[in-house]
Protein backbone atom coordinates (compact mmCIF):
# COMPACT_ATOMS: atom_id res chain seq x y z
CA MET A 1 103.82 100.50 95.22
CA PRO A 2 101.94 97.56 93.36
CA TYR A 3 98.67 98.57 92.06
CA GLU A 4 96.00 96.56 89.81
CA PRO A 5 96.03 97.51 86.46
CA PRO A 6 92.71 99.33 84.90
CA THR A 7 90.79 97.27 82.98
CA HIS A 8 87.25 97.67 80.48
CA THR A 9 85.09 96.46 82.81
CA VAL A 10 82.83 99.36 83.32
CA GLU A 11 82.84 99.75 79.32
CA ARG A 12 81.90 96.32 78.83
CA SER A 13 79.20 96.66 81.23
CA LEU A 14 77.77 99.97 79.64
CA ARG A 15 77.96 98.18 76.18
CA ALA A 16 75.78 95.09 77.25
CA THR A 17 73.34 97.03 79.42
CA THR A 18 72.55 99.72 77.04
CA GLY A 19 73.97 99.16 73.74
CA ALA A 20 76.42 102.04 73.80
CA LYS A 21 79.08 101.65 71.20
CA VAL A 22 81.52 104.72 71.87
CA ILE A 23 81.91 105.36 75.16
CA ALA A 24 84.53 108.06 76.58
CA GLY A 25 86.46 108.11 79.82
CA VAL A 26 86.42 111.51 81.57
CA ASP A 27 88.35 113.12 84.26
CA GLU A 28 89.59 116.21 85.68
CA VAL A 29 92.42 117.79 87.00
CA GLY A 30 92.53 121.68 88.92
CA ARG A 31 89.93 121.45 91.38
CA GLY A 32 91.38 122.27 94.19
CA ALA A 33 93.89 124.50 92.91
CA TRP A 34 93.91 128.25 93.62
CA ALA A 35 95.18 129.63 90.08
CA GLY A 36 94.58 128.69 86.52
CA PRO A 37 92.08 126.52 84.74
CA VAL A 38 90.54 123.58 85.58
CA THR A 39 90.84 120.93 82.68
CA VAL A 40 89.14 118.04 81.47
CA CYS A 41 90.11 115.20 79.27
CA ALA A 42 87.79 112.81 77.45
CA ALA A 43 89.20 110.03 75.87
CA VAL A 44 87.78 107.00 73.85
CA THR A 45 90.08 104.16 73.81
CA GLY A 46 87.76 100.95 73.01
CA LEU A 47 88.69 97.70 74.28
CA ARG A 48 92.27 97.19 73.23
CA ARG A 49 94.92 96.57 75.99
CA PRO A 50 96.50 99.60 77.37
CA PRO A 51 100.03 100.90 77.36
CA LEU A 52 101.77 98.83 80.30
CA GLY A 53 102.11 101.08 83.73
CA LEU A 54 98.57 103.08 82.87
CA THR A 55 96.99 104.25 86.03
CA ASP A 56 96.11 107.69 87.74
CA SER A 57 98.24 110.25 87.23
CA LYS A 58 98.86 111.14 90.70
CA LEU A 59 100.23 107.73 91.13
CA LEU A 60 103.12 108.26 88.51
CA THR A 61 106.17 109.96 88.50
CA VAL A 62 106.48 113.06 86.43
CA LYS A 63 108.86 111.53 84.28
CA ARG A 64 106.69 108.06 83.52
CA ARG A 65 103.56 110.57 83.51
CA ALA A 66 105.19 112.35 80.82
CA ALA A 67 106.32 109.16 78.53
CA LEU A 68 102.94 107.77 78.91
CA ASP A 69 101.22 110.91 77.85
CA MET A 70 103.07 110.69 74.80
CA GLU A 71 102.09 106.91 74.15
CA LEU A 72 98.46 107.46 75.03
CA ARG A 73 98.18 110.62 72.40
CA LYS A 74 98.95 107.97 69.76
CA TRP A 75 97.43 104.99 71.66
CA VAL A 76 93.92 106.37 72.03
CA THR A 77 91.21 106.17 69.23
CA ALA A 78 90.19 109.76 70.14
CA TYR A 79 90.57 112.44 73.02
CA ALA A 80 90.02 116.27 73.69
CA LEU A 81 90.88 118.32 76.03
CA GLY A 82 88.12 121.10 77.40
CA HIS A 83 89.04 123.98 80.11
CA ALA A 84 87.03 126.30 82.46
CA SER A 85 89.03 129.47 83.01
CA PRO A 86 89.61 131.13 86.47
CA GLU A 87 87.11 133.80 85.68
CA GLU A 88 84.24 131.34 84.47
CA ILE A 89 84.97 129.29 88.00
CA ASP A 90 84.48 132.35 89.94
CA ASP A 91 81.42 133.38 88.02
CA LEU A 92 79.84 129.98 87.56
CA GLY A 93 81.16 127.88 90.84
CA MET A 94 83.51 124.83 90.45
CA THR A 95 80.33 122.32 89.57
CA ALA A 96 79.33 124.34 86.83
CA ALA A 97 82.77 125.08 85.55
CA LEU A 98 83.49 121.47 85.53
CA ARG A 99 80.46 120.68 83.02
CA LEU A 100 81.39 123.18 81.06
CA ALA A 101 85.03 121.89 80.74
CA ALA A 102 83.69 119.00 80.41
CA VAL A 103 81.03 119.59 77.56
CA ARG A 104 84.23 121.36 75.71
CA ALA A 105 86.28 118.22 75.87
CA LEU A 106 83.22 115.58 74.71
CA GLU A 107 82.02 118.03 71.77
CA GLY A 108 85.93 118.31 70.96
CA LEU A 109 85.67 114.73 69.89
CA PRO A 110 85.23 113.72 66.65
CA VAL A 111 82.15 111.29 67.28
CA ARG A 112 79.75 112.08 70.25
CA PRO A 113 79.96 109.25 72.80
CA ASP A 114 77.06 107.25 73.39
CA ALA A 115 78.08 107.08 77.06
CA VAL A 116 80.31 108.65 79.60
CA ILE A 117 82.36 107.20 82.39
CA LEU A 118 83.03 109.77 85.00
CA ASP A 119 85.72 109.85 87.82
CA GLY A 120 84.09 110.13 91.26
CA LYS A 121 80.73 109.80 92.50
CA HIS A 122 79.33 113.02 91.52
CA ASP A 123 77.68 113.28 88.34
CA TYR A 124 78.53 117.08 87.56
CA LEU A 125 77.62 116.45 83.85
CA GLY A 126 73.70 115.30 83.72
CA ALA A 127 71.57 115.16 80.61
CA PRO A 128 71.48 114.81 77.91
CA TRP A 129 74.78 112.56 78.59
CA MET A 130 74.22 109.09 79.55
CA VAL A 131 76.88 108.88 82.66
CA ARG A 132 78.26 106.37 84.65
CA THR A 133 80.08 107.45 88.09
CA VAL A 134 82.97 105.26 89.04
CA ILE A 135 84.42 106.09 92.44
CA LYS A 136 88.33 105.93 91.65
CA GLY A 137 87.55 105.31 87.94
CA ASP A 138 91.12 106.91 87.28
CA GLN A 139 92.34 103.89 88.72
CA SER A 140 90.02 101.05 87.77
CA CYS A 141 88.58 102.20 84.17
CA VAL A 142 91.03 101.89 81.24
CA ALA A 143 89.34 105.02 79.48
CA VAL A 144 89.47 107.18 82.52
CA ALA A 145 93.04 106.65 83.65
CA ALA A 146 94.13 107.45 80.05
CA ALA A 147 91.84 110.96 80.35
CA SER A 148 93.87 111.76 84.04
CA VAL A 149 97.33 111.17 82.76
CA ILE A 150 96.39 113.49 79.39
CA ALA A 151 94.61 115.91 81.47
CA LYS A 152 97.22 116.32 84.17
CA VAL A 153 100.43 116.60 81.84
CA HIS A 154 98.69 119.00 79.52
CA ARG A 155 97.44 121.55 82.76
CA ASP A 156 100.96 121.15 84.53
CA LYS A 157 102.62 122.61 80.68
CA THR A 158 100.28 125.13 80.74
CA MET A 159 100.73 126.16 84.20
CA ALA A 160 104.15 126.01 84.03
CA GLU A 161 103.76 128.42 80.72
CA LEU A 162 101.72 130.88 82.87
CA GLY A 163 104.47 130.92 85.48
CA VAL A 164 107.07 132.27 83.52
CA ASP A 165 106.17 135.77 84.29
CA HIS A 166 104.98 135.16 87.70
CA ALA A 167 108.35 133.02 88.94
CA ASP A 168 107.88 133.64 92.60
CA PHE A 169 104.65 131.85 92.65
CA GLY A 170 106.17 128.09 91.79
CA PHE A 171 103.65 127.46 88.94
CA ALA A 172 105.72 125.05 87.30
CA ALA A 173 106.61 122.90 90.38
CA ASN A 174 103.02 123.55 92.26
CA ALA A 175 100.70 123.77 89.14
CA GLY A 176 98.67 126.24 91.10
CA TYR A 177 97.90 124.20 94.03
CA PRO A 178 98.58 125.50 97.57
CA SER A 179 102.16 125.02 98.67
CA PRO A 180 104.67 127.31 100.81
CA VAL A 181 105.89 128.95 98.00
CA HIS A 182 102.68 129.96 96.47
CA ARG A 183 101.60 130.74 99.85
CA ALA A 184 104.63 133.22 100.50
CA ALA A 185 104.22 134.71 96.85
CA LEU A 186 100.55 135.53 97.58
CA GLU A 187 101.18 136.99 100.80
CA GLU A 188 103.43 139.39 99.26
CA ARG A 189 102.63 140.03 95.83
CA GLY A 190 98.91 139.51 96.14
CA PRO A 191 96.96 137.24 93.43
CA THR A 192 97.89 136.81 89.68
CA PRO A 193 95.84 137.21 86.64
CA TYR A 194 95.18 133.57 86.78
CA HIS A 195 94.05 133.41 90.49
CA ARG A 196 90.59 132.43 91.42
CA LEU A 197 89.38 135.54 93.40
CA SER A 198 85.97 133.88 94.68
CA TRP A 199 88.40 131.39 96.88
CA ALA A 200 88.69 131.20 100.66
CA TYR A 201 92.53 131.77 100.67
CA LEU A 202 91.96 135.35 100.07
CA ASP A 203 90.12 135.59 103.33
CA ALA A 204 93.79 134.85 105.15
CA LEU A 205 95.32 137.88 102.94
CA PRO A 206 94.06 141.24 104.70
CA ARG A 207 96.31 143.40 102.09
CA TRP A 208 94.39 141.51 99.43
CA ARG A 209 90.97 140.47 100.60
CA HIS A 210 89.51 143.86 98.81
CA LEU A 211 89.77 141.57 95.55
CA LYS A 212 87.77 138.83 96.44
CA LYS A 213 84.71 138.14 94.29
CA ALA A 214 81.64 137.07 95.96
CA ARG A 215 78.93 134.79 93.95
CA VAL A 216 75.22 135.48 95.60
CA TRP A 217 72.16 133.55 94.49
CA ALA A 218 68.66 135.14 93.88
CA ASP A 219 68.03 133.99 97.42
CA GLY A 220 70.77 136.03 98.94
CA GLY A 221 72.79 133.12 99.80
CA VAL A 222 76.45 132.75 99.33
CA PRO A 223 77.44 129.35 97.75
CA GLU A 224 80.18 127.36 98.95
CA ILE A 225 82.85 126.13 96.21
CA GLU A 226 83.29 122.48 96.25
CA GLY A 227 86.68 121.35 96.45
CA GLN A 228 88.48 124.52 97.59
CA LEU A 229 91.36 124.77 99.51
CA GLY A 230 91.59 127.50 102.13
CA PHE A 231 94.91 129.27 103.48
CA ASP A 232 95.89 126.86 106.13
CA PHE A 233 96.86 123.57 104.36
């Protein structure tokens, strides 16, 4: 299916209006998964012509994504990955966990960015970072598209490795996201050490519901976890 290639339009705008010189594109993967970390990549690309076929990682085949990942790691000026574990997601909630992973990625870059292009409409990063949010930035912005591919390939590989000792869950195929295989394994075996235990899917598992972790704010409220998927999908 044809698509418009990403550009440096947002980056050029940031340079012109803010004086920023080093600009990082940031994207995450794993927000809606039942298991595994949430992973964030920060990529700095400058204004060079991107590799042919670069776009949002979700629009690429597995084979093309893997090949592009290898090319991008050599092509980008710099990149770094940050993660928040299932335990951190359970303890902090998804928004705070995303920020934690993003800060880890950004602080892993060799030079601190002057500005950040963040995929989506919600700025989960905040001060002191200068942030420009871009809806579908992983399709329209070169640096964000590069970050999306690197993050996706890295996390998929991580989930495949975690799934070696939990073959029934199909992590190599579903990367910890909901799937019929994943759901059947949860019903039969319960969550692995890599599952997020504060998520709604446990409500539909009577045998394992006692394992659910509840986060309660000081006012007694129970927060919702942004982006989570329940057992019915």
